[in-house]
Protein backbone atom coordinates (compact mmCIF):
# COMPACT_ATOMS: atom_id res chain seq x y z
CA MET A 1 0.00 0.00 0.00
CA GLU A 2 2.78 2.47 0.85
CA VAL A 3 4.43 1.82 -2.46
CA GLN A 4 1.19 2.47 -4.30
CA VAL A 5 0.60 5.81 -2.52
CA GLY A 6 4.12 6.97 -3.31
CA SER A 7 3.58 6.03 -6.91
CA GLU A 8 0.31 7.99 -7.08
CA GLU A 9 1.97 11.06 -5.51
CA SER A 10 4.89 10.83 -7.96
CA GLU A 11 2.50 10.58 -10.90
CA SER A 12 0.51 13.60 -9.62
CA ASN A 13 3.69 15.70 -9.21
CA LEU A 14 4.77 14.74 -12.70
CA LYS A 15 1.43 15.86 -14.15
CA ASN A 16 1.55 19.15 -12.22
CA GLY A 17 5.07 19.76 -13.47
CA MET A 18 4.04 19.11 -17.05
CA ILE A 19 1.05 21.45 -16.69
CA LYS A 20 3.28 24.22 -15.29
CA LYS A 21 5.74 23.78 -18.14
CA ALA A 22 2.91 23.85 -20.69
CA VAL A 23 1.44 27.02 -19.16
CA GLY A 24 4.90 28.60 -19.04
CA ALA A 25 5.54 27.73 -22.67
CA PHE A 26 2.11 29.09 -23.65
CA LEU A 27 2.75 32.37 -21.81
CA LEU A 28 6.19 32.63 -23.41
CA VAL A 29 4.72 32.12 -26.88
CA LEU A 30 1.96 34.61 -26.07
CA LEU A 31 4.49 37.19 -24.88
CA PHE A 32 6.70 36.61 -27.90
CA SER A 33 3.73 36.92 -30.27
CA ALA A 34 2.53 40.07 -28.52
CA ALA A 35 5.86 41.71 -29.21
CA PHE A 36 5.08 41.42 -32.92
CA TYR A 37 1.41 42.39 -32.60
CA PRO A 38 1.07 45.59 -34.68
CA PRO A 39 -1.11 47.58 -32.24
CA LEU A 40 1.31 46.82 -29.40
CA GLN A 41 4.29 47.75 -31.58
CA GLN A 42 2.60 51.02 -32.49
CA TYR A 43 1.89 51.72 -28.81
CA VAL A 44 5.52 51.10 -27.84
CA HIS A 45 6.76 53.35 -30.66
CA THR A 46 4.33 56.17 -29.92
CA PRO A 47 6.71 58.98 -28.88
CA ALA A 48 6.52 60.61 -25.46
CA ASP A 49 7.72 63.99 -26.79
CA VAL A 50 6.74 65.57 -30.10
CA PHE A 51 7.69 68.85 -31.79
CA VAL A 52 5.54 70.33 -34.51
CA PHE A 53 5.48 73.75 -36.16
CA GLU A 54 2.49 76.05 -36.04
CA SER A 55 0.05 75.14 -38.87
CA GLN A 56 2.11 72.00 -39.64
CA GLU A 57 0.44 68.56 -39.69
CA LEU A 58 2.14 65.51 -38.19
CA ALA A 59 0.68 62.01 -38.64
CA LEU A 60 1.37 59.37 -35.95
CA ASP A 61 0.48 55.69 -36.23
CA THR A 62 -1.15 54.69 -32.93
CA PRO A 63 -4.07 52.38 -32.06
CA LEU A 64 -4.89 54.41 -28.95
CA GLN A 65 -7.76 56.83 -28.74
CA VAL A 66 -7.21 60.51 -27.99
CA LEU A 67 -8.95 61.16 -24.68
CA ASP A 68 -8.15 64.87 -24.38
CA SER A 69 -5.68 67.51 -25.61
CA ASP A 70 -4.71 71.13 -24.97
CA ASP A 71 -5.82 74.02 -27.14
CA ALA A 72 -2.30 74.47 -28.60
CA ILE A 73 -2.92 71.31 -30.66
CA ASP A 74 -5.68 70.28 -33.04
CA VAL A 75 -6.15 66.50 -33.12
CA PHE A 76 -7.85 64.23 -35.64
CA SER A 77 -7.93 60.41 -35.32
CA GLN A 78 -8.99 57.84 -37.89
CA ASP A 79 -8.01 54.24 -38.78
CA ASN A 80 -5.28 53.87 -36.13
CA GLN A 81 -3.69 57.16 -37.18
CA THR A 82 -3.67 60.41 -35.23
CA THR A 83 -2.90 63.68 -37.02
CA LEU A 84 -1.64 66.59 -34.96
CA THR A 85 -1.78 70.19 -36.17
CA GLY A 86 0.01 72.98 -34.34
CA ALA A 87 -2.71 75.51 -33.52
CA LYS A 88 -0.55 78.07 -31.73
CA PRO A 89 2.99 78.22 -30.29
CA GLY A 90 3.35 76.70 -26.85
CA SER A 91 3.42 73.43 -24.95
CA GLY A 92 0.60 70.97 -24.42
CA LYS A 93 -0.31 67.38 -23.61
CA ILE A 94 -2.31 64.70 -25.35
CA HIS A 95 -3.68 61.80 -23.28
CA LEU A 96 -4.13 58.51 -25.10
CA GLY A 97 -6.00 55.45 -23.94
CA VAL A 98 -8.56 52.72 -24.56
CA ALA A 99 -12.27 52.81 -23.63
CA GLY A 100 -11.76 56.00 -21.67
CA PHE A 101 -8.90 54.55 -19.62
CA PRO A 102 -5.68 56.63 -19.97
CA LEU A 103 -2.54 54.66 -20.92
CA LYS A 104 -0.04 57.18 -22.25
CA ALA A 105 0.61 60.92 -22.13
CA MET A 106 2.39 62.72 -24.98
CA ASP A 107 4.07 66.10 -24.52
CA VAL A 108 3.66 68.26 -27.62
CA THR A 109 5.62 71.45 -28.26
CA VAL A 110 4.24 73.72 -30.98
CA LEU A 111 7.04 75.82 -32.49
CA PRO A 112 6.40 79.20 -34.15
CA GLU A 113 5.76 78.80 -37.88
CA LYS A 114 8.99 78.76 -39.87
CA LYS A 115 9.63 77.92 -43.51
CA ILE A 116 12.81 78.02 -45.57
CA ILE A 117 13.56 77.93 -49.29
CA PRO A 118 15.42 74.86 -50.60
CA GLY A 119 18.53 75.32 -52.72
CA GLY A 120 20.03 72.78 -55.11
CA GLN A 121 22.08 75.36 -57.04
CA SER A 122 25.72 74.61 -57.85
CA ILE A 123 27.94 77.15 -56.09
CA GLY A 124 31.61 78.07 -56.18
CA VAL A 125 33.22 78.37 -52.76
CA ARG A 126 36.19 80.63 -52.04
CA VAL A 127 37.47 80.97 -48.47
CA HIS A 128 40.29 82.92 -46.87
CA THR A 129 41.93 81.54 -43.75
CA GLN A 130 42.54 83.19 -40.37
CA GLY A 131 46.21 83.77 -41.15
CA VAL A 132 48.27 81.51 -43.40
CA LEU A 133 48.07 77.72 -43.24
CA VAL A 134 51.22 75.61 -43.08
CA VAL A 135 50.82 72.72 -45.52
CA GLY A 136 54.40 71.39 -45.59
CA HIS A 137 58.11 71.83 -44.87
CA HIS A 138 60.94 72.22 -47.36
CA LEU A 139 64.74 72.36 -47.05
CA VAL A 140 66.76 75.49 -47.77
CA ASP A 141 70.12 74.56 -49.36
CA THR A 142 72.48 76.90 -47.43
CA GLU A 143 76.28 77.15 -47.30
CA LYS A 144 76.13 75.06 -44.11
CA GLY A 145 73.87 72.37 -45.52
CA ALA A 146 70.15 71.79 -46.14
CA ARG A 147 67.87 72.92 -43.34
CA SER A 148 64.23 73.81 -42.77
CA PRO A 149 63.95 76.91 -40.53
CA GLY A 150 60.23 76.29 -40.02
CA GLU A 151 60.67 72.69 -38.91
CA LYS A 152 63.54 73.67 -36.58
CA ALA A 153 61.32 76.35 -35.00
CA GLY A 154 58.68 73.73 -34.16
CA VAL A 155 56.08 74.90 -36.67
CA GLU A 156 53.98 71.89 -37.74
CA VAL A 157 51.89 71.04 -40.78
CA GLY A 158 48.34 72.18 -40.06
CA ASP A 159 49.44 75.17 -37.94
CA MET A 160 47.97 78.58 -38.74
CA ILE A 161 50.42 81.50 -38.57
CA THR A 162 48.32 84.43 -37.36
CA SER A 163 50.99 86.99 -36.37
CA MET A 164 54.62 87.85 -37.24
CA ASN A 165 56.58 90.30 -35.08
CA GLY A 166 53.30 91.58 -33.62
CA LYS A 167 51.69 92.22 -37.03
CA GLU A 168 48.45 90.35 -37.74
CA ILE A 169 48.77 88.22 -40.87
CA LYS A 170 45.74 87.99 -43.14
CA ASP A 171 47.27 86.81 -46.42
CA MET A 172 50.56 85.73 -47.96
CA SER A 173 51.33 89.14 -49.49
CA GLU A 174 52.04 90.49 -45.99
CA ILE A 175 54.77 87.95 -45.26
CA THR A 176 57.53 88.67 -47.80
CA GLY A 177 58.58 92.04 -46.40
CA ILE A 178 58.77 90.76 -42.82
CA VAL A 179 60.82 87.70 -43.84
CA GLN A 180 63.35 89.67 -45.92
CA ALA A 181 63.78 92.35 -43.26
CA ALA A 182 64.36 89.75 -40.53
CA GLY A 183 66.87 87.86 -42.70
CA LYS A 184 68.91 90.96 -43.51
CA GLU A 185 68.96 92.08 -39.88
CA GLY A 186 69.81 88.59 -38.64
CA ARG A 187 66.89 88.58 -36.20
CA PRO A 188 64.42 85.72 -35.68
CA ILE A 189 60.76 86.34 -36.46
CA LYS A 190 58.41 86.07 -33.48
CA LEU A 191 55.43 83.97 -34.60
CA LYS A 192 51.99 83.42 -33.10
CA VAL A 193 50.75 80.05 -34.26
CA LYS A 194 47.26 78.61 -33.83
CA ARG A 195 47.25 74.82 -33.41
CA GLY A 196 43.74 73.54 -32.85
CA GLU A 197 42.39 75.60 -29.96
CA GLU A 198 45.90 76.48 -28.70
CA THR A 199 47.87 79.64 -29.52
CA LEU A 200 51.65 79.06 -29.40
CA ASN A 201 54.68 81.36 -29.58
CA ARG A 202 57.57 80.37 -31.84
CA GLU A 203 60.80 82.01 -33.10
CA LEU A 204 61.94 81.36 -36.66
CA MET A 205 65.22 82.48 -38.23
CA PRO A 206 64.90 82.80 -42.06
CA LEU A 207 67.76 81.38 -44.14
CA LYS A 208 69.21 82.27 -47.54
CA ALA A 209 69.87 79.55 -50.11
CA LYS A 210 73.21 79.32 -51.92
CA GLY A 211 73.32 81.62 -54.94
CA GLU A 212 70.11 83.46 -53.94
CA HIS A 213 69.49 86.92 -52.53
CA SER A 214 66.18 86.30 -50.77
CA TYR A 215 65.49 84.60 -47.45
CA ARG A 216 63.15 81.65 -46.91
CA LEU A 217 61.04 80.19 -44.11
CA GLY A 218 61.35 76.55 -45.14
CA LEU A 219 57.53 76.27 -45.10
CA TYR A 220 54.88 75.70 -47.72
CA ILE A 221 51.96 77.98 -46.88
CA ARG A 222 48.53 78.81 -48.27
CA ASP A 223 46.00 81.52 -47.44
CA SER A 224 42.90 80.52 -49.39
CA ALA A 225 40.98 77.57 -50.81
CA ALA A 226 38.40 77.14 -53.56
CA GLY A 227 35.99 74.46 -54.70
CA VAL A 228 32.41 73.70 -55.68
CA GLY A 229 29.38 72.41 -53.80
CA THR A 230 25.62 72.76 -53.51
CA LEU A 231 23.44 75.30 -51.72
CA THR A 232 21.11 73.61 -49.22
CA PHE A 233 18.70 76.35 -48.12
CA TYR A 234 18.23 79.99 -47.34
CA ASP A 235 15.95 81.75 -44.89
CA PRO A 236 13.72 84.27 -46.70
CA ASP A 237 13.44 86.38 -43.53
CA SER A 238 17.09 86.81 -42.58
CA LYS A 239 18.75 85.83 -45.93
CA LYS A 240 20.97 83.42 -43.98
CA TYR A 241 21.96 80.29 -45.88
CA GLY A 242 23.60 76.89 -45.39
CA ALA A 243 25.53 74.80 -47.92
CA LEU A 244 27.72 71.67 -48.32
CA GLY A 245 26.55 69.78 -45.23
CA HIS A 246 30.13 69.00 -44.16
CA VAL A 247 33.25 70.88 -43.10
CA ILE A 248 35.76 72.23 -45.63
CA SER A 249 39.14 70.65 -44.91
CA ASP A 250 42.52 71.49 -46.40
CA MET A 251 43.39 69.00 -49.14
CA ASP A 252 46.95 68.59 -47.84
CA THR A 253 46.60 68.63 -44.05
CA LYS A 254 43.05 67.16 -43.98
CA GLU A 255 42.36 69.56 -41.11
CA PRO A 256 39.28 71.85 -41.00
CA ILE A 257 40.01 75.30 -42.41
CA HIS A 258 39.58 78.19 -39.95
CA VAL A 259 37.70 80.68 -42.08
CA ASN A 260 38.42 84.39 -41.77
CA ASP A 261 36.09 85.36 -44.60
CA GLY A 262 35.02 84.17 -48.01
CA GLU A 263 32.26 84.19 -50.56
CA ILE A 264 30.04 81.89 -52.55
CA LEU A 265 29.71 82.50 -56.29
CA SER A 266 27.47 81.27 -59.05
CA SER A 267 28.87 78.11 -60.63
CA ARG A 268 28.19 76.05 -63.75
CA VAL A 269 28.58 72.25 -63.96
CA THR A 270 30.58 71.45 -67.10
CA SER A 271 30.83 67.65 -66.88
CA ILE A 272 30.54 64.65 -64.56
CA GLU A 273 33.15 62.05 -63.69
CA LYS A 274 30.97 59.03 -62.94
CA GLY A 275 31.43 57.28 -59.60
CA LEU A 276 32.62 53.66 -59.48
CA ASN A 277 33.05 51.18 -56.63
CA GLY A 278 36.12 52.28 -54.69
CA GLU A 279 36.44 55.52 -56.65
CA PRO A 280 34.04 58.42 -55.93
CA GLY A 281 32.92 60.48 -58.90
CA GLU A 282 33.01 64.26 -59.14
CA LYS A 283 31.13 67.21 -60.56
CA LEU A 284 33.45 69.30 -62.70
CA ALA A 285 32.38 72.91 -62.55
CA ARG A 286 33.68 76.40 -63.05
CA PHE A 287 32.72 79.74 -61.64
CA SER A 288 30.28 81.50 -63.95
CA SER A 289 31.87 83.96 -66.37
CA GLU A 290 30.39 86.98 -64.58
CA ARG A 291 31.79 85.64 -61.25
CA LYS A 292 28.68 86.90 -59.49
CA VAL A 293 29.16 86.88 -55.71
CA LEU A 294 26.03 85.39 -54.14
CA GLY A 295 26.91 85.88 -50.49
CA ASP A 296 29.58 85.82 -47.80
CA ILE A 297 30.99 82.97 -45.70
CA ASN A 298 31.40 83.51 -41.97
CA LYS A 299 31.41 79.95 -40.63
CA ASN A 300 32.89 76.58 -41.60
CA SER A 301 31.63 73.81 -39.32
CA ALA A 302 30.99 70.06 -39.29
CA PHE A 303 27.60 70.79 -40.92
CA GLY A 304 28.85 72.96 -43.79
CA ILE A 305 29.45 76.61 -44.59
CA PHE A 306 27.16 79.44 -43.53
CA GLY A 307 26.69 83.13 -44.17
CA THR A 308 24.30 85.67 -45.63
CA LEU A 309 23.11 86.01 -49.23
CA ASN A 310 23.40 89.35 -50.99
CA ALA A 311 19.98 88.76 -52.57
CA PRO A 312 17.52 85.87 -52.98
CA ILE A 313 18.57 83.38 -55.66
CA LEU A 314 16.15 81.24 -57.67
CA ASN A 315 16.40 77.53 -58.42
CA GLY A 316 13.82 77.44 -61.18
CA GLY A 317 11.02 75.39 -59.64
CA TRP A 318 11.21 75.21 -55.85
CA ASP A 319 11.37 78.88 -54.93
CA GLU A 320 8.46 78.94 -52.49
CA PRO A 321 9.10 78.64 -48.73
CA MET A 322 8.91 75.00 -47.61
CA GLU A 323 8.09 73.38 -44.26
CA ILE A 324 10.91 72.00 -42.10
CA GLY A 325 10.96 68.31 -41.18
CA LEU A 326 12.69 67.59 -37.86
CA SER A 327 14.61 64.35 -37.29
CA ASP A 328 11.69 62.63 -35.53
CA GLN A 329 9.46 63.35 -38.54
CA VAL A 330 11.76 61.65 -41.08
CA LYS A 331 10.54 58.25 -42.32
CA GLU A 332 12.36 55.43 -44.00
CA GLY A 333 11.23 55.29 -47.62
CA PRO A 334 11.00 57.53 -50.72
CA ALA A 335 12.36 61.07 -50.84
CA GLU A 336 13.95 63.42 -53.40
CA ILE A 337 17.05 65.56 -53.72
CA LEU A 338 17.53 68.81 -55.64
CA THR A 339 20.86 69.17 -57.43
CA VAL A 340 22.57 70.22 -60.69
CA VAL A 341 24.18 67.71 -63.06
CA ASN A 342 24.36 69.90 -66.16
CA GLY A 343 24.93 73.63 -66.50
CA GLU A 344 22.96 75.59 -63.91
CA GLU A 345 19.62 73.76 -64.08
CA VAL A 346 18.37 72.44 -60.73
CA GLU A 347 16.59 69.07 -61.11
CA LYS A 348 14.71 66.74 -58.75
CA PHE A 349 15.86 63.12 -58.40
CA SER A 350 14.45 60.16 -56.45
CA ILE A 351 16.27 58.64 -53.49
CA GLU A 352 15.38 56.36 -50.59
CA ILE A 353 15.90 57.05 -46.89
CA VAL A 354 17.42 53.73 -45.81
CA ASN A 355 17.84 54.69 -42.16
CA SER A 356 17.24 57.79 -40.04
CA THR A 357 18.29 58.37 -36.44
CA VAL A 358 16.17 60.59 -34.20
CA GLN A 359 18.69 63.07 -32.79
CA LYS A 360 18.21 65.23 -29.71
CA PHE A 361 21.67 66.78 -30.04
CA PRO A 362 23.72 67.85 -33.09
CA ALA A 363 25.45 64.96 -34.85
CA THR A 364 26.52 64.35 -38.41
CA LYS A 365 25.55 61.25 -40.42
CA GLY A 366 21.94 61.33 -39.22
CA MET A 367 20.63 59.46 -42.27
CA VAL A 368 21.73 56.78 -44.70
CA ILE A 369 20.39 57.40 -48.20
CA LYS A 370 20.42 55.54 -51.51
CA VAL A 371 19.99 56.98 -55.01
CA THR A 372 17.18 55.20 -56.88
CA ASP A 373 16.58 57.60 -59.79
CA PRO A 374 17.53 55.86 -63.09
CA LYS A 375 18.54 59.14 -64.76
CA LEU A 376 20.85 60.19 -61.93
CA LEU A 377 22.40 56.71 -61.71
CA GLU A 378 23.05 56.77 -65.44
CA THR A 379 24.57 60.27 -65.32
CA THR A 380 26.63 60.17 -62.12
CA GLY A 381 26.63 56.58 -60.85
CA GLY A 382 25.06 57.86 -57.63
CA ILE A 383 26.47 60.43 -55.21
CA VAL A 384 29.53 62.36 -56.44
CA GLN A 385 31.78 65.04 -55.00
CA GLY A 386 30.19 68.44 -55.50
CA MET A 387 26.75 67.03 -54.71
CA SER A 388 27.30 67.65 -50.99
CA GLY A 389 24.68 70.02 -49.67
CA SER A 390 21.94 68.92 -52.08
CA PRO A 391 18.70 69.39 -50.10
CA ILE A 392 16.57 66.34 -49.31
CA ILE A 393 12.79 66.70 -49.58
CA GLN A 394 10.23 64.28 -48.10
CA ASP A 395 6.45 64.77 -47.95
CA GLY A 396 6.80 68.41 -48.96
CA LYS A 397 9.30 69.17 -46.18
CA ILE A 398 13.03 69.86 -46.33
CA ILE A 399 14.57 67.31 -43.97
CA GLY A 400 18.34 67.41 -44.58
CA ALA A 401 21.27 67.51 -46.96
CA VAL A 402 23.55 65.02 -48.73
CA THR A 403 26.99 64.95 -47.06
CA HIS A 404 29.14 61.92 -47.98
CA VAL A 405 29.29 59.04 -50.44
CA PHE A 406 30.17 55.47 -49.50
CA VAL A 407 33.45 54.82 -51.29
CA ASN A 408 32.60 51.16 -51.97
CA ASP A 409 29.02 51.92 -53.03
CA PRO A 410 28.61 55.26 -54.86
CA THR A 411 24.82 54.80 -55.00
CA SER A 412 24.64 55.30 -51.22
CA GLY A 413 25.90 57.73 -48.63
CA TYR A 414 25.23 59.79 -45.53
CA ALA A 415 23.07 62.85 -44.96
CA CYS A 416 22.60 65.25 -42.05
CA HIS A 417 19.34 66.49 -40.56
CA ILE A 418 18.30 70.01 -41.52
CA GLU A 419 17.72 71.25 -37.97
CA TRP A 420 21.46 71.14 -37.21
CA MET A 421 22.30 73.14 -40.33
CA LEU A 422 19.68 75.71 -39.33
CA GLN A 423 21.23 75.90 -35.87
CA GLU A 424 24.70 76.50 -37.35
CA ALA A 425 23.26 79.23 -39.59
CA ASP A 426 21.78 80.94 -36.50
CA VAL A 427 18.24 80.42 -37.79
CA ASP A 428 16.39 79.91 -34.52
CA ILE A 429 13.48 77.51 -34.92
CA TYR A 430 13.11 76.91 -31.15
CA GLN A 431 12.02 80.43 -30.27
CA SER A 432 10.84 82.15 -27.05
CA ASP A 433 9.26 79.80 -24.50
CA THR A 434 9.89 76.75 -26.65
CA ASN A 435 13.59 76.84 -25.75
CA GLU A 436 12.68 75.90 -22.19
CA ALA A 437 10.34 73.18 -23.39
CA LYS A 438 13.04 71.63 -25.58
CA ALA A 439 15.65 71.69 -22.81
CA SER A 440 13.32 69.89 -20.43
């Protein structure tokens, strides 16, 4: 009898264990399936904080009902989609739920209405540095052997010489007289050198080469740079503009150029060197014959060049102010770019947003894009040098600019979000009280 009871208890425990395992497995499958249930996915991805411009519509996919909202926002819901419209600048909340039971609160900041005009025009870029840039050393063949005065003085490639003997240096024409005078007098030149964020003091003694009458520094230097790119946008209110989408670096030192001043000029694309795998293509362009100066350059940053236009410039088809799309409004899928591939005609071409990162703080490479337009692929092979700065348009909003090409895949590349270019251009889209709302 005792054996039989033990057997019955063992069998009962075994059954209970199997039932628990079955229930556990069922719950695990249920939980796993729920993770892929579209309404639950939409709920999870419904943002907690949203920014929208006054009079701008923003569609959000959410299965939740709107229970109430503030008067700064107009709300319309239909077929698991909620459309928000900024009614007036300010901050507000939307409460979402099911059957009258609140589940999620969304903070909405309505920004003052702001629209900008997209570019796409090919531009010539000419910048002047803050001083003269050291791009190399060279040896002076003297009676006592070959030496480089600049290298001996501790001046490095990438340094910016901003002052000589107390005189501010703005361009190379100011250097010759100082160098020759110091050489003849046998006195070293007192240099102020900018290296990154540091300012250093150096002394350099010019040397005369055998058989020559002039003195040399033993440095290769440059005071300006030129190239071509694409205008991204301009603000019709302030005439401020942004272009290129990436920093201008010196071709020899690869270091960012510290801009003293400069200008953008009208430019004409003369031909295209098609991009191939491992070898980026290039727009070949020249400054227009009239060399018309379009505006100045006062900043060179990680997001491009910035300044003020002398007058509005037209692109032939997209000259009306356009809404701004912030990074959280960008969607993966179709979009267009505006750029020039022949002459001065701005054209629209199809691309795809492969990936977009919602960014709360400035960062480059916010999007990965791919050219899909057959005409552009045939003409350029994809993204080429000189296309940087081409504005990206999606759903009638300007959302960013082309910045870089993938070397091993010229059809694809990076882009930056437009809000960071606007910030660099000092176009304030987060005005008045909305600054506090954004910081919180």
